[in-house]
Structures are given as structure tokens and as C-alpha cells.
PDB file of N, CA and C in Angstrom:
ATOM      1  N   MET A   1     -31.748  -7.533  12.740  1.00  0.00           N
ATOM      2  CA  MET A   1     -30.440  -7.248  12.217  1.00  0.00           C
ATOM      3  C   MET A   1     -30.386  -5.779  11.829  1.00  0.00           C
ATOM      4  N   ARG A   2     -29.253  -5.148  12.139  1.00  0.00           N
ATOM      5  CA  ARG A   2     -29.064  -3.739  11.824  1.00  0.00           C
ATOM      6  C   ARG A   2     -27.910  -3.606  10.836  1.00  0.00           C
ATOM      7  N   ALA A   3     -28.124  -2.827   9.799  1.00  0.00           N
ATOM      8  CA  ALA A   3     -27.092  -2.623   8.787  1.00  0.00           C
ATOM      9  C   ALA A   3     -25.907  -1.867   9.382  1.00  0.00           C
ATOM     10  N   LEU A   4     -24.716  -2.241   8.982  1.00  0.00           N
ATOM     11  CA  LEU A   4     -23.514  -1.548   9.417  1.00  0.00           C
ATOM     12  C   LEU A   4     -23.375  -0.237   8.649  1.00  0.00           C
ATOM     13  N   PRO A   5     -22.885   0.804   9.308  1.00  0.00           N
ATOM     14  CA  PRO A   5     -22.696   2.066   8.599  1.00  0.00           C
ATOM     15  C   PRO A   5     -21.602   1.907   7.545  1.00  0.00           C
ATOM     16  N   TRP A   6     -21.763   2.624   6.449  1.00  0.00           N
ATOM     17  CA  TRP A   6     -20.782   2.542   5.371  1.00  0.00           C
ATOM     18  C   TRP A   6     -20.712   3.859   4.637  1.00  0.00           C
ATOM     19  N   ARG A   7     -19.530   4.209   4.263  1.00  0.00           N
ATOM     20  CA  ARG A   7     -19.331   5.359   3.387  1.00  0.00           C
ATOM     21  C   ARG A   7     -18.297   4.939   2.351  1.00  0.00           C
ATOM     22  N   PRO A   8     -18.394   5.468   1.154  1.00  0.00           N
ATOM     23  CA  PRO A   8     -17.446   5.071   0.112  1.00  0.00           C
ATOM     24  C   PRO A   8     -16.005   5.357   0.520  1.00  0.00           C
ATOM     25  N   GLU A   9     -15.132   4.401   0.297  1.00  0.00           N
ATOM     26  CA  GLU A   9     -13.708   4.582   0.537  1.00  0.00           C
ATOM     27  C   GLU A   9     -12.972   4.187  -0.736  1.00  0.00           C
ATOM     28  N   TRP A  10     -12.260   5.125  -1.283  1.00  0.00           N
ATOM     29  CA  TRP A  10     -11.517   4.916  -2.521  1.00  0.00           C
ATOM     30  C   TRP A  10     -10.054   4.673  -2.203  1.00  0.00           C
ATOM     31  N   PHE A  11      -9.417   3.879  -3.052  1.00  0.00           N
ATOM     32  CA  PHE A  11      -8.009   3.561  -2.859  1.00  0.00           C
ATOM     33  C   PHE A  11      -7.253   3.719  -4.175  1.00  0.00           C
ATOM     34  N   ALA A  12      -6.123   4.382  -4.095  1.00  0.00           N
ATOM     35  CA  ALA A  12      -5.158   4.413  -5.185  1.00  0.00           C
ATOM     36  C   ALA A  12      -4.149   3.319  -4.865  1.00  0.00           C
ATOM     37  N   ILE A  13      -3.804   2.511  -5.845  1.00  0.00           N
ATOM     38  CA  ILE A  13      -2.867   1.413  -5.642  1.00  0.00           C
ATOM     39  C   ILE A  13      -1.757   1.542  -6.674  1.00  0.00           C
ATOM     40  N   ALA A  14      -0.512   1.374  -6.216  1.00  0.00           N
ATOM     41  CA  ALA A  14       0.648   1.468  -7.097  1.00  0.00           C
ATOM     42  C   ALA A  14       1.579   0.294  -6.835  1.00  0.00           C
ATOM     43  N   TRP A  15       2.013  -0.345  -7.906  1.00  0.00           N
ATOM     44  CA  TRP A  15       2.942  -1.476  -7.792  1.00  0.00           C
ATOM     45  C   TRP A  15       4.172  -1.182  -8.636  1.00  0.00           C
ATOM     46  N   PRO A  16       5.364  -1.242  -8.032  1.00  0.00           N
ATOM     47  CA  PRO A  16       6.581  -0.889  -8.757  1.00  0.00           C
ATOM     48  C   PRO A  16       7.106  -1.981  -9.682  1.00  0.00           C
ATOM     49  N   GLY A  17       6.444  -3.113  -9.732  1.00  0.00           N
ATOM     50  CA  GLY A  17       6.924  -4.208 -10.567  1.00  0.00           C
ATOM     51  C   GLY A  17       8.032  -5.008  -9.908  1.00  0.00           C
ATOM     52  N   ILE A  18       8.166  -4.867  -8.621  1.00  0.00           N
ATOM     53  CA  ILE A  18       9.178  -5.590  -7.852  1.00  0.00           C
ATOM     54  C   ILE A  18       8.487  -6.719  -7.101  1.00  0.00           C
ATOM     55  N   GLU A  19       8.927  -7.946  -7.324  1.00  0.00           N
ATOM     56  CA  GLU A  19       8.348  -9.084  -6.620  1.00  0.00           C
ATOM     57  C   GLU A  19       9.199  -9.413  -5.400  1.00  0.00           C
ATOM     58  N   LEU A  20       8.535  -9.704  -4.300  1.00  0.00           N
ATOM     59  CA  LEU A  20       9.210 -10.044  -3.048  1.00  0.00           C
ATOM     60  C   LEU A  20       8.763 -11.412  -2.569  1.00  0.00           C
ATOM     61  N   SER A  21       9.663 -12.109  -1.926  1.00  0.00           N
ATOM     62  CA  SER A  21       9.319 -13.355  -1.256  1.00  0.00           C
ATOM     63  C   SER A  21       8.821 -13.013   0.142  1.00  0.00           C
ATOM     64  N   THR A  22       7.608 -13.424   0.466  1.00  0.00           N
ATOM     65  CA  THR A  22       7.060 -13.161   1.798  1.00  0.00           C
ATOM     66  C   THR A  22       7.968 -13.738   2.876  1.00  0.00           C
ATOM     67  N   GLY A  23       8.481 -14.945   2.643  1.00  0.00           N
ATOM     68  CA  GLY A  23       9.390 -15.578   3.609  1.00  0.00           C
ATOM     69  C   GLY A  23      10.631 -14.735   3.840  1.00  0.00           C
ATOM     70  N   ASP A  24      11.219 -14.187   2.771  1.00  0.00           N
ATOM     71  CA  ASP A  24      12.409 -13.345   2.918  1.00  0.00           C
ATOM     72  C   ASP A  24      12.093 -12.091   3.725  1.00  0.00           C
ATOM     73  N   VAL A  25      10.928 -11.505   3.484  1.00  0.00           N
ATOM     74  CA  VAL A  25      10.541 -10.295   4.211  1.00  0.00           C
ATOM     75  C   VAL A  25      10.371 -10.602   5.694  1.00  0.00           C
ATOM     76  N   TYR A  26       9.719 -11.707   6.030  1.00  0.00           N
ATOM     77  CA  TYR A  26       9.538 -12.053   7.445  1.00  0.00           C
ATOM     78  C   TYR A  26      10.860 -12.406   8.116  1.00  0.00           C
ATOM     79  N   ARG A  27      11.774 -13.039   7.381  1.00  0.00           N
ATOM     80  CA  ARG A  27      13.093 -13.322   7.969  1.00  0.00           C
ATOM     81  C   ARG A  27      13.828 -12.009   8.244  1.00  0.00           C
ATOM     82  N   ALA A  28      13.734 -11.064   7.349  1.00  0.00           N
ATOM     83  CA  ALA A  28      14.362  -9.759   7.562  1.00  0.00           C
ATOM     84  C   ALA A  28      13.693  -9.025   8.724  1.00  0.00           C
ATOM     85  N   TRP A  29      12.385  -9.206   8.877  1.00  0.00           N
ATOM     86  CA  TRP A  29      11.661  -8.546   9.973  1.00  0.00           C
ATOM     87  C   TRP A  29      12.189  -9.007  11.323  1.00  0.00           C
ATOM     88  N   ASP A  30      12.614 -10.256  11.416  1.00  0.00           N
ATOM     89  CA  ASP A  30      13.190 -10.755  12.667  1.00  0.00           C
ATOM     90  C   ASP A  30      14.382  -9.904  13.092  1.00  0.00           C
ATOM     91  N   ASP A  31      15.101  -9.323  12.125  1.00  0.00           N
ATOM     92  CA  ASP A  31      16.282  -8.511  12.425  1.00  0.00           C
ATOM     93  C   ASP A  31      15.970  -7.034  12.613  1.00  0.00           C
ATOM     94  N   VAL A  32      15.050  -6.492  11.811  1.00  0.00           N
ATOM     95  CA  VAL A  32      14.855  -5.040  11.818  1.00  0.00           C
ATOM     96  C   VAL A  32      13.592  -4.568  12.519  1.00  0.00           C
ATOM     97  N   LYS A  33      12.655  -5.485  12.736  1.00  0.00           N
ATOM     98  CA  LYS A  33      11.334  -5.112  13.273  1.00  0.00           C
ATOM     99  C   LYS A  33      10.730  -4.016  12.401  1.00  0.00           C
ATOM    100  N   GLY A  34       9.835  -3.242  12.927  1.00  0.00           N
ATOM    101  CA  GLY A  34       9.219  -2.209  12.109  1.00  0.00           C
ATOM    102  C   GLY A  34       8.402  -1.266  12.958  1.00  0.00           C
ATOM    103  N   GLU A  35       7.792  -0.328  12.288  1.00  0.00           N
ATOM    104  CA  GLU A  35       6.986   0.687  12.958  1.00  0.00           C
ATOM    105  C   GLU A  35       5.607   0.728  12.319  1.00  0.00           C
ATOM    106  N   ALA A  36       4.615   1.156  13.092  1.00  0.00           N
ATOM    107  CA  ALA A  36       3.262   1.300  12.564  1.00  0.00           C
ATOM    108  C   ALA A  36       3.270   2.397  11.513  1.00  0.00           C
ATOM    109  N   PRO A  37       2.429   2.393  10.517  1.00  0.00           N
ATOM    110  CA  PRO A  37       1.304   1.491  10.366  1.00  0.00           C
ATOM    111  C   PRO A  37       1.649   0.189   9.652  1.00  0.00           C
ATOM    112  N   ASN A  38       2.818   0.102   9.024  1.00  0.00           N
ATOM    113  CA  ASN A  38       3.156  -1.140   8.335  1.00  0.00           C
ATOM    114  C   ASN A  38       4.466  -1.666   8.888  1.00  0.00           C
ATOM    115  N   HIS A  39       4.378  -2.642   9.752  1.00  0.00           N
ATOM    116  CA  HIS A  39       5.544  -3.170  10.446  1.00  0.00           C
ATOM    117  C   HIS A  39       6.532  -3.883   9.532  1.00  0.00           C
ATOM    118  N   LEU A  40       6.111  -4.282   8.355  1.00  0.00           N
ATOM    119  CA  LEU A  40       6.989  -5.039   7.465  1.00  0.00           C
ATOM    120  C   LEU A  40       7.732  -4.173   6.447  1.00  0.00           C
ATOM    121  N   ARG A  41       7.430  -2.905   6.382  1.00  0.00           N
ATOM    122  CA  ARG A  41       8.037  -2.069   5.340  1.00  0.00           C
ATOM    123  C   ARG A  41       9.556  -2.022   5.444  1.00  0.00           C
ATOM    124  N   ARG A  42      10.091  -1.801   6.637  1.00  0.00           N
ATOM    125  CA  ARG A  42      11.551  -1.764   6.790  1.00  0.00           C
ATOM    126  C   ARG A  42      12.175  -3.083   6.383  1.00  0.00           C
ATOM    127  N   ALA A  43      11.522  -4.184   6.700  1.00  0.00           N
ATOM    128  CA  ALA A  43      12.042  -5.499   6.316  1.00  0.00           C
ATOM    129  C   ALA A  43      12.015  -5.661   4.805  1.00  0.00           C
ATOM    130  N   ALA A  44      10.933  -5.238   4.170  1.00  0.00           N
ATOM    131  CA  ALA A  44      10.828  -5.331   2.709  1.00  0.00           C
ATOM    132  C   ALA A  44      11.902  -4.471   2.045  1.00  0.00           C
ATOM    133  N   GLU A  45      12.164  -3.302   2.609  1.00  0.00           N
ATOM    134  CA  GLU A  45      13.199  -2.428   2.060  1.00  0.00           C
ATOM    135  C   GLU A  45      14.588  -3.025   2.241  1.00  0.00           C
ATOM    136  N   ARG A  46      14.773  -3.822   3.271  1.00  0.00           N
ATOM    137  CA  ARG A  46      16.055  -4.503   3.457  1.00  0.00           C
ATOM    138  C   ARG A  46      16.226  -5.588   2.396  1.00  0.00           C
ATOM    139  N   VAL A  47      15.147  -6.314   2.118  1.00  0.00           N
ATOM    140  CA  VAL A  47      15.194  -7.354   1.097  1.00  0.00           C
ATOM    141  C   VAL A  47      15.386  -6.733  -0.284  1.00  0.00           C
ATOM    142  N   GLU A  48      14.702  -5.632  -0.537  1.00  0.00           N
ATOM    143  CA  GLU A  48      14.766  -4.965  -1.846  1.00  0.00           C
ATOM    144  C   GLU A  48      14.918  -3.462  -1.640  1.00  0.00           C
ATOM    145  N   PRO A  49      16.154  -2.973  -1.603  1.00  0.00           N
ATOM    146  CA  PRO A  49      16.404  -1.551  -1.321  1.00  0.00           C
ATOM    147  C   PRO A  49      15.712  -0.579  -2.280  1.00  0.00           C
ATOM    148  N   ARG A  50      15.389  -0.984  -3.499  1.00  0.00           N
ATOM    149  CA  ARG A  50      14.705  -0.076  -4.431  1.00  0.00           C
ATOM    150  C   ARG A  50      13.333   0.355  -3.916  1.00  0.00           C
ATOM    151  N   LEU A  51      12.744  -0.421  -2.994  1.00  0.00           N
ATOM    152  CA  LEU A  51      11.428  -0.062  -2.453  1.00  0.00           C
ATOM    153  C   LEU A  51      11.463   1.258  -1.684  1.00  0.00           C
ATOM    154  N   LYS A  52      12.568   1.526  -1.030  1.00  0.00           N
ATOM    155  CA  LYS A  52      12.667   2.762  -0.246  1.00  0.00           C
ATOM    156  C   LYS A  52      12.530   3.985  -1.153  1.00  0.00           C
ATOM    157  N   GLU A  53      13.215   3.978  -2.272  1.00  0.00           N
ATOM    158  CA  GLU A  53      13.124   5.099  -3.215  1.00  0.00           C
ATOM    159  C   GLU A  53      11.733   5.170  -3.840  1.00  0.00           C
ATOM    160  N   PHE A  54      11.169   4.016  -4.164  1.00  0.00           N
ATOM    161  CA  PHE A  54       9.819   4.007  -4.724  1.00  0.00           C
ATOM    162  C   PHE A  54       8.833   4.624  -3.741  1.00  0.00           C
ATOM    163  N   ALA A  55       8.900   4.209  -2.478  1.00  0.00           N
ATOM    164  CA  ALA A  55       7.994   4.738  -1.452  1.00  0.00           C
ATOM    165  C   ALA A  55       8.172   6.244  -1.311  1.00  0.00           C
ATOM    166  N   ARG A  56       9.398   6.699  -1.342  1.00  0.00           N
ATOM    167  CA  ARG A  56       9.670   8.142  -1.232  1.00  0.00           C
ATOM    168  C   ARG A  56       9.064   8.897  -2.416  1.00  0.00           C
ATOM    169  N   SER A  57       9.122   8.295  -3.602  1.00  0.00           N
ATOM    170  CA  SER A  57       8.592   8.963  -4.792  1.00  0.00           C
ATOM    171  C   SER A  57       7.067   9.091  -4.769  1.00  0.00           C
ATOM    172  N   LEU A  58       6.404   8.249  -3.993  1.00  0.00           N
ATOM    173  CA  LEU A  58       4.943   8.301  -3.921  1.00  0.00           C
ATOM    174  C   LEU A  58       4.441   9.533  -3.176  1.00  0.00           C
ATOM    175  N   GLY A  59       5.195   9.978  -2.193  1.00  0.00           N
ATOM    176  CA  GLY A  59       4.758  11.109  -1.385  1.00  0.00           C
ATOM    177  C   GLY A  59       4.093  10.634  -0.102  1.00  0.00           C
ATOM    178  N   THR A  60       3.373  11.526   0.548  1.00  0.00           N
ATOM    179  CA  THR A  60       2.789  11.215   1.843  1.00  0.00           C
ATOM    180  C   THR A  60       1.466  10.459   1.707  1.00  0.00           C
ATOM    181  N   GLY A  61       1.122   9.744   2.762  1.00  0.00           N
ATOM    182  CA  GLY A  61      -0.174   9.082   2.839  1.00  0.00           C
ATOM    183  C   GLY A  61      -0.233   7.685   2.253  1.00  0.00           C
ATOM    184  N   TRP A  62       0.866   7.182   1.739  1.00  0.00           N
ATOM    185  CA  TRP A  62       0.887   5.850   1.143  1.00  0.00           C
ATOM    186  C   TRP A  62       1.377   4.826   2.161  1.00  0.00           C
ATOM    187  N   GLN A  63       0.815   3.620   2.090  1.00  0.00           N
ATOM    188  CA  GLN A  63       1.241   2.510   2.949  1.00  0.00           C
ATOM    189  C   GLN A  63       1.508   1.280   2.084  1.00  0.00           C
ATOM    190  N   MET A  64       2.472   0.483   2.506  1.00  0.00           N
ATOM    191  CA  MET A  64       2.753  -0.749   1.782  1.00  0.00           C
ATOM    192  C   MET A  64       1.704  -1.792   2.128  1.00  0.00           C
ATOM    193  N   THR A  65       1.327  -2.586   1.150  1.00  0.00           N
ATOM    194  CA  THR A  65       0.371  -3.667   1.368  1.00  0.00           C
ATOM    195  C   THR A  65       1.098  -4.868   1.954  1.00  0.00           C
ATOM    196  N   GLY A  66       0.605  -5.391   3.039  1.00  0.00           N
ATOM    197  CA  GLY A  66       1.158  -6.619   3.617  1.00  0.00           C
ATOM    198  C   GLY A  66       2.667  -6.638   3.642  1.00  0.00           C
ATOM    199  N   SER A  67       3.262  -7.677   3.036  1.00  0.00           N
ATOM    200  CA  SER A  67       4.717  -7.788   2.985  1.00  0.00           C
ATOM    201  C   SER A  67       5.276  -7.204   1.689  1.00  0.00           C
ATOM    202  N   GLY A  68       4.451  -6.482   0.944  1.00  0.00           N
ATOM    203  CA  GLY A  68       4.902  -5.748  -0.235  1.00  0.00           C
ATOM    204  C   GLY A  68       4.746  -6.527  -1.524  1.00  0.00           C
ATOM    205  N   SER A  69       4.951  -5.901  -2.569  1.00  0.00           N
ATOM    206  CA  SER A  69       5.612  -4.617  -2.724  1.00  0.00           C
ATOM    207  C   SER A  69       4.689  -3.509  -3.253  1.00  0.00           C
ATOM    208  N   ALA A  70       3.396  -3.765  -3.302  1.00  0.00           N
ATOM    209  CA  ALA A  70       2.456  -2.719  -3.722  1.00  0.00           C
ATOM    210  C   ALA A  70       2.207  -1.745  -2.572  1.00  0.00           C
ATOM    211  N   PHE A  71       1.760  -0.539  -2.937  1.00  0.00           N
ATOM    212  CA  PHE A  71       1.419   0.492  -1.961  1.00  0.00           C
ATOM    213  C   PHE A  71       0.012   0.985  -2.245  1.00  0.00           C
ATOM    214  N   PHE A  72      -0.659   1.481  -1.204  1.00  0.00           N
ATOM    215  CA  PHE A  72      -2.000   2.023  -1.379  1.00  0.00           C
ATOM    216  C   PHE A  72      -2.136   3.329  -0.624  1.00  0.00           C
ATOM    217  N   LYS A  73      -3.088   4.130  -1.105  1.00  0.00           N
ATOM    218  CA  LYS A  73      -3.428   5.395  -0.436  1.00  0.00           C
ATOM    219  C   LYS A  73      -4.941   5.481  -0.397  1.00  0.00           C
ATOM    220  N   GLN A  74      -5.497   5.628   0.795  1.00  0.00           N
ATOM    221  CA  GLN A  74      -6.942   5.770   0.957  1.00  0.00           C
ATOM    222  C   GLN A  74      -7.318   7.222   0.705  1.00  0.00           C
ATOM    223  N   THR A  75      -8.384   7.421  -0.075  1.00  0.00           N
ATOM    224  CA  THR A  75      -8.865   8.765  -0.384  1.00  0.00           C
ATOM    225  C   THR A  75     -10.375   8.828  -0.165  1.00  0.00           C
ATOM    226  N   ASP A  76     -10.898  10.033  -0.107  1.00  0.00           N
ATOM    227  CA  ASP A  76     -12.334  10.205   0.097  1.00  0.00           C
ATOM    228  C   ASP A  76     -13.134  10.115  -1.195  1.00  0.00           C
ATOM    229  N   THR A  77     -12.480  10.412  -2.323  1.00  0.00           N
ATOM    230  CA  THR A  77     -13.200  10.431  -3.593  1.00  0.00           C
ATOM    231  C   THR A  77     -12.405   9.708  -4.678  1.00  0.00           C
ATOM    232  N   GLU A  78     -13.115   9.299  -5.716  1.00  0.00           N
ATOM    233  CA  GLU A  78     -12.447   8.680  -6.858  1.00  0.00           C
ATOM    234  C   GLU A  78     -11.481   9.675  -7.502  1.00  0.00           C
ATOM    235  N   ARG A  79     -11.887  10.913  -7.588  1.00  0.00           N
ATOM    236  CA  ARG A  79     -11.036  11.942  -8.188  1.00  0.00           C
ATOM    237  C   ARG A  79      -9.704  12.059  -7.455  1.00  0.00           C
ATOM    238  N   GLU A  80      -9.739  12.077  -6.119  1.00  0.00           N
ATOM    239  CA  GLU A  80      -8.508  12.153  -5.335  1.00  0.00           C
ATOM    240  C   GLU A  80      -7.617  10.941  -5.600  1.00  0.00           C
ATOM    241  N   ALA A  81      -8.222   9.760  -5.713  1.00  0.00           N
ATOM    242  CA  ALA A  81      -7.449   8.544  -5.992  1.00  0.00           C
ATOM    243  C   ALA A  81      -6.793   8.632  -7.361  1.00  0.00           C
ATOM    244  N   ARG A  82      -7.541   9.109  -8.346  1.00  0.00           N
ATOM    245  CA  ARG A  82      -6.982   9.238  -9.702  1.00  0.00           C
ATOM    246  C   ARG A  82      -5.863  10.284  -9.746  1.00  0.00           C
ATOM    247  N   GLU A  83      -6.033  11.355  -9.001  1.00  0.00           N
ATOM    248  CA  GLU A  83      -4.978  12.364  -8.930  1.00  0.00           C
ATOM    249  C   GLU A  83      -3.719  11.805  -8.271  1.00  0.00           C
ATOM    250  N   ALA A  84      -3.889  10.916  -7.292  1.00  0.00           N
ATOM    251  CA  ALA A  84      -2.748  10.335  -6.578  1.00  0.00           C
ATOM    252  C   ALA A  84      -1.884   9.471  -7.489  1.00  0.00           C
ATOM    253  N   ILE A  85      -2.473   8.863  -8.502  1.00  0.00           N
ATOM    254  CA  ILE A  85      -1.706   7.982  -9.384  1.00  0.00           C
ATOM    255  C   ILE A  85      -1.375   8.623 -10.728  1.00  0.00           C
ATOM    256  N   ALA A  86      -1.883   9.808 -10.996  1.00  0.00           N
ATOM    257  CA  ALA A  86      -1.766  10.425 -12.319  1.00  0.00           C
ATOM    258  C   ALA A  86      -0.318  10.575 -12.792  1.00  0.00           C
ATOM    259  N   ARG A  87       0.589  10.903 -11.916  1.00  0.00           N
ATOM    260  CA  ARG A  87       1.974  11.178 -12.323  1.00  0.00           C
ATOM    261  C   ARG A  87       2.901   9.969 -12.165  1.00  0.00           C
ATOM    262  N   LEU A  88       2.381   8.863 -11.701  1.00  0.00           N
ATOM    263  CA  LEU A  88       3.233   7.707 -11.426  1.00  0.00           C
ATOM    264  C   LEU A  88       3.564   6.930 -12.695  1.00  0.00           C
ATOM    265  N   ASP A  89       4.783   6.435 -12.749  1.00  0.00           N
ATOM    266  CA  ASP A  89       5.243   5.647 -13.892  1.00  0.00           C
ATOM    267  C   ASP A  89       5.421   4.192 -13.453  1.00  0.00           C
ATOM    268  N   CYS A  90       4.299   3.556 -13.133  1.00  0.00           N
ATOM    269  CA  CYS A  90       4.294   2.158 -12.709  1.00  0.00           C
ATOM    270  C   CYS A  90       2.868   1.636 -12.896  1.00  0.00           C
ATOM    271  N   TRP A  91       2.649   0.392 -12.547  1.00  0.00           N
ATOM    272  CA  TRP A  91       1.301  -0.180 -12.614  1.00  0.00           C
ATOM    273  C   TRP A  91       0.454   0.487 -11.544  1.00  0.00           C
ATOM    274  N   THR A  92      -0.729   0.967 -11.916  1.00  0.00           N
ATOM    275  CA  THR A  92      -1.627   1.623 -10.968  1.00  0.00           C
ATOM    276  C   THR A  92      -3.066   1.214 -11.232  1.00  0.00           C
ATOM    277  N   VAL A  93      -3.877   1.382 -10.212  1.00  0.00           N
ATOM    278  CA  VAL A  93      -5.312   1.140 -10.343  1.00  0.00           C
ATOM    279  C   VAL A  93      -6.024   1.938  -9.246  1.00  0.00           C
ATOM    280  N   VAL A  94      -7.290   2.256  -9.497  1.00  0.00           N
ATOM    281  CA  VAL A  94      -8.149   2.897  -8.499  1.00  0.00           C
ATOM    282  C   VAL A  94      -9.254   1.909  -8.171  1.00  0.00           C
ATOM    283  N   SER A  95      -9.565   1.778  -6.883  1.00  0.00           N
ATOM    284  CA  SER A  95     -10.561   0.796  -6.458  1.00  0.00           C
ATOM    285  C   SER A  95     -11.480   1.391  -5.396  1.00  0.00           C
ATOM    286  N   LEU A  96     -12.715   0.944  -5.401  1.00  0.00           N
ATOM    287  CA  LEU A  96     -13.696   1.326  -4.389  1.00  0.00           C
ATOM    288  C   LEU A  96     -13.873   0.146  -3.443  1.00  0.00           C
ATOM    289  N   ALA A  97     -13.791   0.418  -2.143  1.00  0.00           N
ATOM    290  CA  ALA A  97     -13.977  -0.653  -1.156  1.00  0.00           C
ATOM    291  C   ALA A  97     -15.395  -1.220  -1.242  1.00  0.00           C
ATOM    292  N   VAL A  98     -15.510  -2.491  -0.995  1.00  0.00           N
ATOM    293  CA  VAL A  98     -16.813  -3.164  -1.019  1.00  0.00           C
ATOM    294  C   VAL A  98     -17.541  -2.860   0.286  1.00  0.00           C
ATOM    295  N   PRO A  99     -18.826  -2.500   0.217  1.00  0.00           N
ATOM    296  CA  PRO A  99     -19.574  -2.231   1.458  1.00  0.00           C
ATOM    297  C   PRO A  99     -19.768  -3.515   2.259  1.00  0.00           C
ATOM    298  N   PRO A 100     -20.068  -3.389   3.553  1.00  0.00           N
ATOM    299  CA  PRO A 100     -20.301  -4.578   4.372  1.00  0.00           C
ATOM    300  C   PRO A 100     -21.496  -5.370   3.878  1.00  0.00           C
ATOM    301  N   TRP A 101     -21.468  -6.656   4.104  1.00  0.00           N
ATOM    302  CA  TRP A 101     -22.550  -7.527   3.652  1.00  0.00           C
ATOM    303  C   TRP A 101     -23.777  -7.455   4.544  1.00  0.00           C
ATOM    304  N   ALA A 102     -23.572  -7.182   5.817  1.00  0.00           N
ATOM    305  CA  ALA A 102     -24.708  -7.177   6.739  1.00  0.00           C
ATOM    306  C   ALA A 102     -25.124  -5.769   7.093  1.00  0.00           C
TER     307      ALA A 102
END
């Protein structure tokens, strides 16, 4: 068995406090489709228009998680992740990805 390569990957996570129904987001996706990297973002913004402004306020490099409504930004260091959330006025956390098991 050979170990998989791994390097630390840090994530800044921000949640605007907006709850979404996954079913509603997927129903909206049937109408609007989406674009990479997160195909459901346009649908989530249709269900909850406040998400569009929240996403804009985050700046570049952020992606919505799944069907929303949290967003994440991958960074190379913990410091970069903390800087990414420092000015945000919402629920935030910094997390380190778990290394592979094998």
C-alpha cells in the first residue's frame, strides 16, 4: 500500500443565516440550470434573492456549498482563511481538511 499525497488545505466558511429547502433549490434548477463550479447557485439565488448580494459581498474565490446557503473559500494557509473571514458580519469558521486515510 502506498500513502496518498497530501498537503494542508484550509477553508474559510461563511453562512449568512439563510436556510434553504434543498427541494426548492432543485426545482428552481430545473428552470435556470447553472454554471460551473457550482451549478446550483443560480437556483439558490432564485429561491432566496438575498444570497446574490451576500455572495457579492464575500468577494472573489468563494463557492456555495451544495444547494446552499453557506459559502467556502479554499486557502493555502490558516492565516489566509482567517483573513478571508475577518471582516464578515455573519457566522464564520476556519477548517483544515482531513488528510486521506490510506
